[in-house]
């Protein structure tokens, strides 16, 4: 995640409200391979045991708007609780492994674009706490990555470190 926020304090209190703009990228390393994207659907299937692979991932970048209520003490301890909503910019899948498309013994390195059946909007709650510049943050998506009817239910969870120099 990379984002910037504008802080609006509530008078001289330790509380404030912030709104911003950011970009986040979820990389899902998983045990599925991209099969097909014909018609109105993209298909991912479980990788069979007879197909070797080094990497199979789905990349989901979002343009986001974070909102947060913040509390900061004079000793520089801070915490925040908020919500963010995002719009998916583009998604792609990557594969490094056996050439399952042409059924050869060669290694296939491929990137698949135009993935269908993905929700365009993502949203969920956030929480953050820390001291001075160093914070720990978490996000849980309330929206599924895939559209309804695909049979795959994945809700991203992000936990990380945050540097807040201001």
N, C-alpha and C. Protein backbone atom coordinates (compact mmCIF):
# COMPACT_ATOMS: atom_id res chain seq x y z
N UNK A 1 0.84 -1.19 0.00
CA UNK A 1 0.00 0.00 0.00
C UNK A 1 0.87 1.24 0.00
N UNK A 2 0.48 2.20 -0.76
CA UNK A 2 1.07 3.53 -0.71
C UNK A 2 -0.11 4.50 -0.74
N UNK A 3 -0.17 5.39 0.24
CA UNK A 3 -1.28 6.33 0.25
C UNK A 3 -0.88 7.60 0.99
N UNK A 4 -1.60 8.65 0.70
CA UNK A 4 -1.45 9.91 1.41
C UNK A 4 -2.81 10.33 1.93
N UNK A 5 -2.80 10.96 3.11
CA UNK A 5 -4.06 11.41 3.69
C UNK A 5 -3.95 12.86 4.14
N UNK A 6 -5.08 13.51 4.18
CA UNK A 6 -5.16 14.87 4.70
C UNK A 6 -5.84 14.80 6.06
N UNK A 7 -5.15 15.28 7.08
CA UNK A 7 -5.61 15.20 8.46
C UNK A 7 -6.40 16.46 8.83
N UNK A 8 -7.59 16.27 9.40
CA UNK A 8 -8.44 17.38 9.83
C UNK A 8 -8.72 17.23 11.32
N UNK A 9 -7.97 17.94 12.18
CA UNK A 9 -8.15 17.80 13.63
C UNK A 9 -9.49 18.38 14.10
N UNK A 10 -9.99 17.83 15.19
CA UNK A 10 -11.20 18.34 15.83
C UNK A 10 -10.78 19.36 16.89
N UNK A 11 -10.61 20.59 16.47
CA UNK A 11 -10.18 21.65 17.39
C UNK A 11 -8.80 21.38 17.95
N UNK A 12 -8.66 21.54 19.25
CA UNK A 12 -7.37 21.30 19.90
C UNK A 12 -7.32 19.93 20.59
N UNK A 13 -8.26 19.08 20.27
CA UNK A 13 -8.31 17.75 20.89
C UNK A 13 -7.28 16.81 20.26
N UNK A 14 -7.17 15.63 20.81
CA UNK A 14 -6.25 14.60 20.28
C UNK A 14 -6.89 13.79 19.15
N UNK A 15 -8.11 14.11 18.79
CA UNK A 15 -8.83 13.36 17.77
C UNK A 15 -8.83 14.12 16.44
N UNK A 16 -8.87 13.35 15.35
CA UNK A 16 -8.94 13.95 14.02
C UNK A 16 -9.59 12.98 13.05
N UNK A 17 -9.89 13.48 11.87
CA UNK A 17 -10.45 12.70 10.79
C UNK A 17 -9.52 12.87 9.60
N UNK A 18 -9.30 11.80 8.84
CA UNK A 18 -8.42 11.88 7.67
C UNK A 18 -9.07 11.21 6.47
N UNK A 19 -8.82 11.79 5.30
CA UNK A 19 -9.27 11.23 4.03
C UNK A 19 -8.09 11.29 3.08
N UNK A 20 -8.02 10.34 2.15
CA UNK A 20 -6.86 10.33 1.27
C UNK A 20 -7.08 9.59 -0.02
N UNK A 21 -5.96 9.27 -0.65
CA UNK A 21 -5.93 8.55 -1.92
C UNK A 21 -4.72 7.65 -1.91
N UNK A 22 -4.87 6.43 -2.42
CA UNK A 22 -3.75 5.50 -2.41
C UNK A 22 -3.89 4.40 -3.44
N UNK A 23 -2.85 3.59 -3.49
CA UNK A 23 -2.80 2.43 -4.37
C UNK A 23 -2.41 1.23 -3.52
N UNK A 24 -3.12 0.13 -3.70
CA UNK A 24 -2.74 -1.11 -3.03
C UNK A 24 -2.68 -2.23 -4.07
N UNK A 25 -1.85 -3.21 -3.79
CA UNK A 25 -1.72 -4.36 -4.68
C UNK A 25 -1.77 -5.62 -3.84
N UNK A 26 -2.71 -6.49 -4.14
CA UNK A 26 -2.77 -7.81 -3.51
C UNK A 26 -2.18 -8.81 -4.49
N UNK A 27 -1.18 -9.56 -4.06
CA UNK A 27 -0.61 -10.66 -4.84
C UNK A 27 -1.04 -11.95 -4.17
N UNK A 28 -1.86 -12.72 -4.87
CA UNK A 28 -2.35 -13.99 -4.33
C UNK A 28 -1.55 -15.12 -4.94
N UNK A 29 -0.69 -15.74 -4.15
CA UNK A 29 0.04 -16.92 -4.58
C UNK A 29 -0.82 -18.11 -4.17
N UNK A 30 -1.19 -18.91 -5.15
CA UNK A 30 -2.17 -19.94 -4.86
C UNK A 30 -1.95 -21.20 -5.67
N UNK A 31 -2.80 -22.19 -5.43
CA UNK A 31 -2.69 -23.49 -6.06
C UNK A 31 -3.71 -23.64 -7.20
N UNK A 32 -3.90 -22.56 -7.96
CA UNK A 32 -4.80 -22.58 -9.11
C UNK A 32 -4.04 -22.14 -10.35
N UNK A 33 -4.48 -22.62 -11.50
CA UNK A 33 -3.90 -22.16 -12.76
C UNK A 33 -5.00 -21.57 -13.62
N UNK A 34 -4.61 -20.57 -14.40
CA UNK A 34 -5.54 -19.90 -15.30
C UNK A 34 -5.82 -20.85 -16.46
N UNK A 35 -7.08 -21.12 -16.71
CA UNK A 35 -7.45 -22.10 -17.73
C UNK A 35 -7.96 -21.45 -19.00
N UNK A 36 -8.89 -20.49 -18.87
CA UNK A 36 -9.54 -19.96 -20.06
C UNK A 36 -10.25 -18.65 -19.73
N UNK A 37 -10.39 -17.79 -20.73
CA UNK A 37 -11.12 -16.55 -20.54
C UNK A 37 -11.98 -16.25 -21.76
N UNK A 38 -12.69 -17.26 -22.21
CA UNK A 38 -13.56 -17.07 -23.37
C UNK A 38 -14.95 -16.69 -22.91
N UNK A 39 -15.65 -15.99 -23.75
CA UNK A 39 -17.02 -15.60 -23.41
C UNK A 39 -17.03 -14.58 -22.28
N UNK A 40 -17.88 -14.82 -21.31
CA UNK A 40 -18.07 -13.87 -20.20
C UNK A 40 -17.37 -14.30 -18.92
N UNK A 41 -16.57 -15.36 -18.97
CA UNK A 41 -16.01 -15.89 -17.72
C UNK A 41 -14.53 -16.23 -17.87
N UNK A 42 -13.81 -16.11 -16.75
CA UNK A 42 -12.45 -16.61 -16.65
C UNK A 42 -12.51 -17.84 -15.77
N UNK A 43 -11.68 -18.82 -16.09
CA UNK A 43 -11.72 -20.07 -15.35
C UNK A 43 -10.36 -20.35 -14.72
N UNK A 44 -10.37 -20.63 -13.43
CA UNK A 44 -9.19 -21.06 -12.70
C UNK A 44 -9.49 -22.47 -12.18
N UNK A 45 -8.53 -23.38 -12.34
CA UNK A 45 -8.71 -24.74 -11.86
C UNK A 45 -7.55 -25.12 -10.95
N UNK A 46 -7.80 -26.05 -10.04
CA UNK A 46 -6.76 -26.53 -9.13
C UNK A 46 -5.66 -27.18 -9.96
N UNK A 47 -4.42 -26.90 -9.60
CA UNK A 47 -3.27 -27.45 -10.33
C UNK A 47 -3.19 -28.95 -10.05
N UNK A 48 -3.26 -29.79 -11.09
CA UNK A 48 -3.14 -31.23 -10.88
C UNK A 48 -1.73 -31.61 -10.40
N UNK A 49 -1.62 -32.75 -9.73
CA UNK A 49 -0.34 -33.19 -9.20
C UNK A 49 0.69 -33.47 -10.30
N UNK A 50 0.25 -33.80 -11.51
CA UNK A 50 1.19 -34.14 -12.58
C UNK A 50 1.72 -32.90 -13.32
N UNK A 51 1.33 -31.69 -12.92
CA UNK A 51 1.83 -30.47 -13.53
C UNK A 51 2.70 -29.74 -12.52
N UNK A 52 3.98 -29.62 -12.85
CA UNK A 52 4.91 -28.93 -11.96
C UNK A 52 4.83 -27.42 -12.15
N UNK A 53 5.01 -26.69 -11.06
CA UNK A 53 5.00 -25.23 -11.18
C UNK A 53 5.86 -24.61 -10.09
N UNK A 54 6.42 -23.44 -10.43
CA UNK A 54 7.20 -22.67 -9.46
C UNK A 54 6.36 -21.53 -8.90
N UNK A 55 5.49 -20.96 -9.74
CA UNK A 55 4.70 -19.82 -9.29
C UNK A 55 3.39 -19.76 -10.06
N UNK A 56 2.33 -19.52 -9.31
CA UNK A 56 1.03 -19.24 -9.88
C UNK A 56 0.43 -18.15 -9.01
N UNK A 57 0.18 -16.99 -9.60
CA UNK A 57 -0.34 -15.90 -8.79
C UNK A 57 -1.33 -15.05 -9.56
N UNK A 58 -2.15 -14.36 -8.79
CA UNK A 58 -3.12 -13.41 -9.33
C UNK A 58 -2.80 -12.06 -8.69
N UNK A 59 -2.62 -11.03 -9.50
CA UNK A 59 -2.27 -9.69 -9.02
C UNK A 59 -3.47 -8.77 -9.20
N UNK A 60 -3.83 -8.07 -8.09
CA UNK A 60 -5.01 -7.22 -8.08
C UNK A 60 -4.65 -5.82 -7.57
N UNK A 61 -4.37 -4.87 -8.45
CA UNK A 61 -4.08 -3.50 -8.00
C UNK A 61 -5.36 -2.65 -7.93
N UNK A 62 -5.46 -1.87 -6.85
CA UNK A 62 -6.64 -1.03 -6.63
C UNK A 62 -6.24 0.42 -6.39
N UNK A 63 -7.04 1.34 -6.90
CA UNK A 63 -6.97 2.75 -6.55
C UNK A 63 -7.95 2.93 -5.40
N UNK A 64 -7.48 3.47 -4.25
CA UNK A 64 -8.30 3.46 -3.04
C UNK A 64 -8.49 4.84 -2.43
N UNK A 65 -9.60 4.94 -1.69
CA UNK A 65 -9.88 6.13 -0.88
C UNK A 65 -9.99 5.67 0.56
N UNK A 66 -8.98 5.99 1.39
CA UNK A 66 -9.06 5.63 2.82
C UNK A 66 -9.70 6.75 3.64
N UNK A 67 -10.50 6.37 4.63
CA UNK A 67 -11.10 7.28 5.61
C UNK A 67 -10.71 6.76 6.98
N UNK A 68 -10.37 7.67 7.90
CA UNK A 68 -9.91 7.20 9.20
C UNK A 68 -10.20 8.21 10.31
N UNK A 69 -10.66 7.71 11.46
CA UNK A 69 -10.73 8.51 12.68
C UNK A 69 -9.47 8.19 13.46
N UNK A 70 -8.77 9.25 13.91
CA UNK A 70 -7.47 9.09 14.54
C UNK A 70 -7.44 9.65 15.95
N UNK A 71 -6.57 9.05 16.75
CA UNK A 71 -6.29 9.52 18.09
C UNK A 71 -4.78 9.53 18.27
N UNK A 72 -4.24 10.67 18.74
CA UNK A 72 -2.79 10.78 18.93
C UNK A 72 -2.53 11.49 20.26
N UNK A 73 -1.70 10.85 21.10
CA UNK A 73 -1.38 11.43 22.41
C UNK A 73 -0.19 12.37 22.28
N UNK A 74 0.05 13.14 23.33
CA UNK A 74 1.21 14.03 23.34
C UNK A 74 2.52 13.26 23.34
N UNK A 75 2.50 12.00 23.84
CA UNK A 75 3.70 11.17 23.85
C UNK A 75 3.93 10.46 22.50
N UNK A 76 3.14 10.82 21.48
CA UNK A 76 3.27 10.33 20.10
C UNK A 76 2.74 8.92 19.87
N UNK A 77 1.99 8.35 20.83
CA UNK A 77 1.29 7.10 20.56
C UNK A 77 0.05 7.45 19.75
N UNK A 78 -0.23 6.67 18.70
CA UNK A 78 -1.36 6.98 17.83
C UNK A 78 -2.10 5.70 17.45
N UNK A 79 -3.37 5.87 17.19
CA UNK A 79 -4.18 4.77 16.69
C UNK A 79 -5.27 5.32 15.79
N UNK A 80 -5.77 4.47 14.93
CA UNK A 80 -6.82 4.89 14.02
C UNK A 80 -7.70 3.72 13.63
N UNK A 81 -8.95 4.04 13.37
CA UNK A 81 -9.89 3.05 12.88
C UNK A 81 -10.60 3.68 11.69
N UNK A 82 -10.75 2.90 10.63
CA UNK A 82 -11.31 3.50 9.43
C UNK A 82 -11.92 2.50 8.48
N UNK A 83 -12.02 2.96 7.26
CA UNK A 83 -12.66 2.21 6.19
C UNK A 83 -12.01 2.65 4.89
N UNK A 84 -11.85 1.74 3.97
CA UNK A 84 -11.37 2.16 2.65
C UNK A 84 -12.14 1.43 1.56
N UNK A 85 -12.26 2.10 0.44
CA UNK A 85 -12.94 1.56 -0.72
C UNK A 85 -12.02 1.75 -1.91
N UNK A 86 -12.02 0.77 -2.80
CA UNK A 86 -11.12 0.85 -3.94
C UNK A 86 -11.75 0.35 -5.22
N UNK A 87 -11.14 0.76 -6.32
CA UNK A 87 -11.56 0.35 -7.66
C UNK A 87 -10.40 -0.37 -8.32
N UNK A 88 -10.63 -1.57 -8.84
CA UNK A 88 -9.58 -2.35 -9.46
C UNK A 88 -9.14 -1.73 -10.79
N UNK A 89 -7.85 -1.47 -10.91
CA UNK A 89 -7.32 -0.86 -12.12
C UNK A 89 -7.16 -1.87 -13.25
N UNK A 90 -6.47 -2.94 -13.01
CA UNK A 90 -6.33 -4.06 -13.96
C UNK A 90 -5.88 -5.26 -13.15
N UNK A 91 -6.15 -6.41 -13.66
CA UNK A 91 -5.74 -7.63 -12.96
C UNK A 91 -5.04 -8.53 -13.96
N UNK A 92 -4.09 -9.29 -13.47
CA UNK A 92 -3.44 -10.27 -14.33
C UNK A 92 -2.98 -11.46 -13.51
N UNK A 93 -2.85 -12.58 -14.21
CA UNK A 93 -2.38 -13.81 -13.59
C UNK A 93 -1.02 -14.14 -14.20
N UNK A 94 -0.14 -14.72 -13.38
CA UNK A 94 1.18 -15.14 -13.86
C UNK A 94 1.38 -16.62 -13.57
N UNK A 95 2.08 -17.27 -14.46
CA UNK A 95 2.37 -18.69 -14.32
C UNK A 95 3.82 -18.94 -14.70
N UNK A 96 4.54 -19.71 -13.87
CA UNK A 96 5.86 -20.22 -14.19
C UNK A 96 5.83 -21.69 -13.82
N UNK A 97 5.95 -22.54 -14.82
CA UNK A 97 5.88 -23.98 -14.58
C UNK A 97 5.78 -24.74 -15.88
N UNK A 98 5.33 -25.98 -15.78
CA UNK A 98 5.17 -26.82 -16.97
C UNK A 98 4.21 -26.16 -17.95
N UNK A 99 4.46 -26.38 -19.23
CA UNK A 99 3.63 -25.81 -20.29
C UNK A 99 2.34 -26.62 -20.41
N UNK A 100 1.36 -26.26 -19.60
CA UNK A 100 0.08 -26.97 -19.61
C UNK A 100 -0.81 -26.54 -20.76
N UNK A 101 -0.50 -25.41 -21.40
CA UNK A 101 -1.33 -24.94 -22.51
C UNK A 101 -1.12 -25.77 -23.77
N UNK A 102 0.17 -26.06 -24.08
CA UNK A 102 0.50 -26.78 -25.31
C UNK A 102 0.94 -28.22 -25.03
N UNK A 103 0.88 -28.60 -23.75
CA UNK A 103 1.20 -29.97 -23.32
C UNK A 103 2.59 -30.41 -23.78
N UNK A 104 3.59 -29.53 -23.58
CA UNK A 104 4.97 -29.87 -23.90
C UNK A 104 5.77 -29.97 -22.61
N UNK A 105 7.01 -30.38 -22.72
CA UNK A 105 7.88 -30.51 -21.54
C UNK A 105 8.64 -29.22 -21.26
N UNK A 106 8.41 -28.20 -22.04
CA UNK A 106 9.08 -26.91 -21.84
C UNK A 106 8.50 -26.18 -20.63
N UNK A 107 9.30 -25.24 -20.09
CA UNK A 107 8.81 -24.38 -19.02
C UNK A 107 8.06 -23.21 -19.64
N UNK A 108 6.90 -22.93 -19.10
CA UNK A 108 6.07 -21.83 -19.59
C UNK A 108 6.14 -20.68 -18.61
N UNK A 109 6.48 -19.49 -19.10
CA UNK A 109 6.40 -18.26 -18.32
C UNK A 109 5.38 -17.40 -19.04
N UNK A 110 4.24 -17.20 -18.40
CA UNK A 110 3.16 -16.50 -19.07
C UNK A 110 2.47 -15.53 -18.13
N UNK A 111 1.93 -14.47 -18.73
CA UNK A 111 1.12 -13.50 -18.02
C UNK A 111 -0.21 -13.41 -18.76
N UNK A 112 -1.30 -13.53 -18.02
CA UNK A 112 -2.63 -13.53 -18.61
C UNK A 112 -3.35 -12.26 -18.19
N UNK A 113 -3.83 -11.50 -19.16
CA UNK A 113 -4.55 -10.26 -18.89
C UNK A 113 -6.01 -10.43 -19.31
N UNK A 114 -6.82 -9.48 -18.97
CA UNK A 114 -8.23 -9.56 -19.34
C UNK A 114 -8.98 -10.59 -18.52
N UNK A 115 -8.60 -10.74 -17.26
CA UNK A 115 -9.26 -11.69 -16.38
C UNK A 115 -10.70 -11.21 -16.12
N UNK A 116 -11.64 -12.08 -16.32
CA UNK A 116 -13.04 -11.73 -16.12
C UNK A 116 -13.53 -12.32 -14.79
N UNK A 117 -14.73 -12.02 -14.41
CA UNK A 117 -15.38 -12.50 -13.18
C UNK A 117 -14.80 -11.88 -11.92
N UNK A 118 -14.11 -10.76 -12.01
CA UNK A 118 -13.55 -10.12 -10.83
C UNK A 118 -14.40 -8.92 -10.45
N UNK A 119 -14.62 -8.77 -9.16
CA UNK A 119 -15.34 -7.59 -8.68
C UNK A 119 -14.49 -6.36 -8.92
N UNK A 120 -15.06 -5.31 -9.41
CA UNK A 120 -14.33 -4.07 -9.67
C UNK A 120 -14.14 -3.23 -8.42
N UNK A 121 -15.02 -3.40 -7.42
CA UNK A 121 -14.94 -2.60 -6.20
C UNK A 121 -14.54 -3.48 -5.01
N UNK A 122 -13.70 -2.91 -4.16
CA UNK A 122 -13.26 -3.57 -2.94
C UNK A 122 -13.45 -2.60 -1.79
N UNK A 123 -13.85 -3.10 -0.63
CA UNK A 123 -14.08 -2.23 0.52
C UNK A 123 -13.97 -3.03 1.80
N UNK A 124 -13.63 -2.33 2.88
CA UNK A 124 -13.54 -2.99 4.18
C UNK A 124 -12.94 -2.10 5.24
N UNK A 125 -12.99 -2.58 6.50
CA UNK A 125 -12.47 -1.80 7.63
C UNK A 125 -10.95 -1.89 7.76
N UNK A 126 -10.39 -0.86 8.39
CA UNK A 126 -8.95 -0.81 8.66
C UNK A 126 -8.73 -0.46 10.13
N UNK A 127 -7.57 -0.84 10.63
CA UNK A 127 -7.17 -0.47 11.98
C UNK A 127 -5.66 -0.24 11.97
N UNK A 128 -5.22 0.70 12.81
CA UNK A 128 -3.80 1.05 12.85
C UNK A 128 -3.45 1.50 14.26
N UNK A 129 -2.25 1.16 14.70
CA UNK A 129 -1.74 1.68 15.97
C UNK A 129 -0.21 1.71 15.90
N UNK A 130 0.37 2.66 16.63
CA UNK A 130 1.82 2.75 16.61
C UNK A 130 2.35 3.88 17.46
N UNK A 131 3.66 4.07 17.33
CA UNK A 131 4.37 5.07 18.10
C UNK A 131 5.27 5.87 17.15
N UNK A 132 5.15 7.19 17.20
CA UNK A 132 5.88 8.12 16.33
C UNK A 132 5.67 7.72 14.87
N UNK A 133 6.74 7.40 14.15
CA UNK A 133 6.66 7.10 12.72
C UNK A 133 6.25 5.67 12.42
N UNK A 134 6.41 4.76 13.35
CA UNK A 134 6.25 3.33 13.09
C UNK A 134 4.88 2.83 13.57
N UNK A 135 4.13 2.23 12.65
CA UNK A 135 2.78 1.75 12.97
C UNK A 135 2.57 0.35 12.39
N UNK A 136 1.62 -0.35 12.96
CA UNK A 136 1.15 -1.63 12.44
C UNK A 136 -0.29 -1.40 11.97
N UNK A 137 -0.60 -1.91 10.78
CA UNK A 137 -1.95 -1.72 10.27
C UNK A 137 -2.52 -3.03 9.75
N UNK A 138 -3.85 -3.08 9.65
CA UNK A 138 -4.54 -4.26 9.15
C UNK A 138 -5.78 -3.83 8.37
N UNK A 139 -6.14 -4.67 7.40
CA UNK A 139 -7.31 -4.42 6.55
C UNK A 139 -7.97 -5.77 6.27
N UNK A 140 -9.29 -5.80 6.30
CA UNK A 140 -10.05 -6.99 5.95
C UNK A 140 -11.09 -6.60 4.90
N UNK A 141 -11.02 -7.22 3.73
CA UNK A 141 -11.98 -6.92 2.67
C UNK A 141 -13.31 -7.58 2.95
N UNK A 142 -14.36 -6.80 2.89
CA UNK A 142 -15.72 -7.33 3.03
C UNK A 142 -16.28 -7.77 1.69
N UNK A 143 -15.58 -7.42 0.63
CA UNK A 143 -16.01 -7.78 -0.72
C UNK A 143 -15.19 -8.96 -1.23
N UNK A 144 -15.86 -9.86 -1.90
CA UNK A 144 -15.21 -11.02 -2.50
C UNK A 144 -14.40 -10.58 -3.72
N UNK A 145 -13.32 -11.25 -4.01
CA UNK A 145 -12.53 -10.92 -5.20
C UNK A 145 -13.29 -11.28 -6.47
N UNK A 146 -13.97 -12.43 -6.45
CA UNK A 146 -14.68 -12.91 -7.63
C UNK A 146 -16.17 -12.57 -7.55
N UNK A 147 -16.78 -12.40 -8.70
CA UNK A 147 -18.21 -12.12 -8.76
C UNK A 147 -18.98 -13.34 -8.28
N UNK A 148 -20.23 -13.12 -7.89
CA UNK A 148 -21.04 -14.23 -7.40
C UNK A 148 -21.29 -15.24 -8.53
N UNK A 149 -21.38 -16.49 -8.15
CA UNK A 149 -21.64 -17.55 -9.12
C UNK A 149 -20.38 -18.22 -9.63
N UNK A 150 -19.20 -17.76 -9.22
CA UNK A 150 -17.96 -18.38 -9.71
C UNK A 150 -17.55 -19.57 -8.85
N UNK A 151 -18.05 -19.65 -7.62
CA UNK A 151 -17.71 -20.76 -6.75
C UNK A 151 -16.43 -20.55 -5.97
N UNK A 152 -15.73 -19.44 -6.20
CA UNK A 152 -14.50 -19.15 -5.45
C UNK A 152 -14.77 -17.96 -4.55
N UNK A 153 -14.59 -18.14 -3.25
CA UNK A 153 -14.80 -17.06 -2.28
C UNK A 153 -13.48 -16.72 -1.62
N UNK A 154 -12.92 -15.58 -1.98
CA UNK A 154 -11.66 -15.11 -1.40
C UNK A 154 -11.85 -13.68 -0.94
N UNK A 155 -11.55 -13.43 0.34
CA UNK A 155 -11.64 -12.11 0.93
C UNK A 155 -10.24 -11.73 1.41
N UNK A 156 -9.57 -10.79 0.75
CA UNK A 156 -8.19 -10.46 1.12
C UNK A 156 -8.06 -9.87 2.52
N UNK A 157 -6.98 -10.23 3.17
CA UNK A 157 -6.60 -9.69 4.47
C UNK A 157 -5.18 -9.17 4.32
N UNK A 158 -4.95 -7.94 4.77
CA UNK A 158 -3.61 -7.36 4.72
C UNK A 158 -3.19 -6.96 6.11
N UNK A 159 -1.97 -7.32 6.48
CA UNK A 159 -1.37 -6.90 7.74
C UNK A 159 0.03 -6.43 7.39
N UNK A 160 0.41 -5.26 7.91
CA UNK A 160 1.71 -4.74 7.55
C UNK A 160 2.20 -3.63 8.46
N UNK A 161 3.34 -3.10 8.09
CA UNK A 161 3.96 -2.00 8.81
C UNK A 161 3.74 -0.72 8.03
N UNK A 162 3.62 0.37 8.72
CA UNK A 162 3.32 1.65 8.10
C UNK A 162 4.26 2.70 8.64
N UNK A 163 4.83 3.50 7.76
CA UNK A 163 5.65 4.63 8.17
C UNK A 163 4.86 5.91 7.97
N UNK A 164 4.69 6.67 9.06
CA UNK A 164 3.92 7.92 9.01
C UNK A 164 4.81 9.06 9.51
N UNK A 165 5.51 9.74 8.61
CA UNK A 165 6.45 10.78 9.04
C UNK A 165 5.78 12.07 9.50
N UNK A 166 4.47 12.20 9.35
CA UNK A 166 3.81 13.46 9.72
C UNK A 166 2.81 13.25 10.82
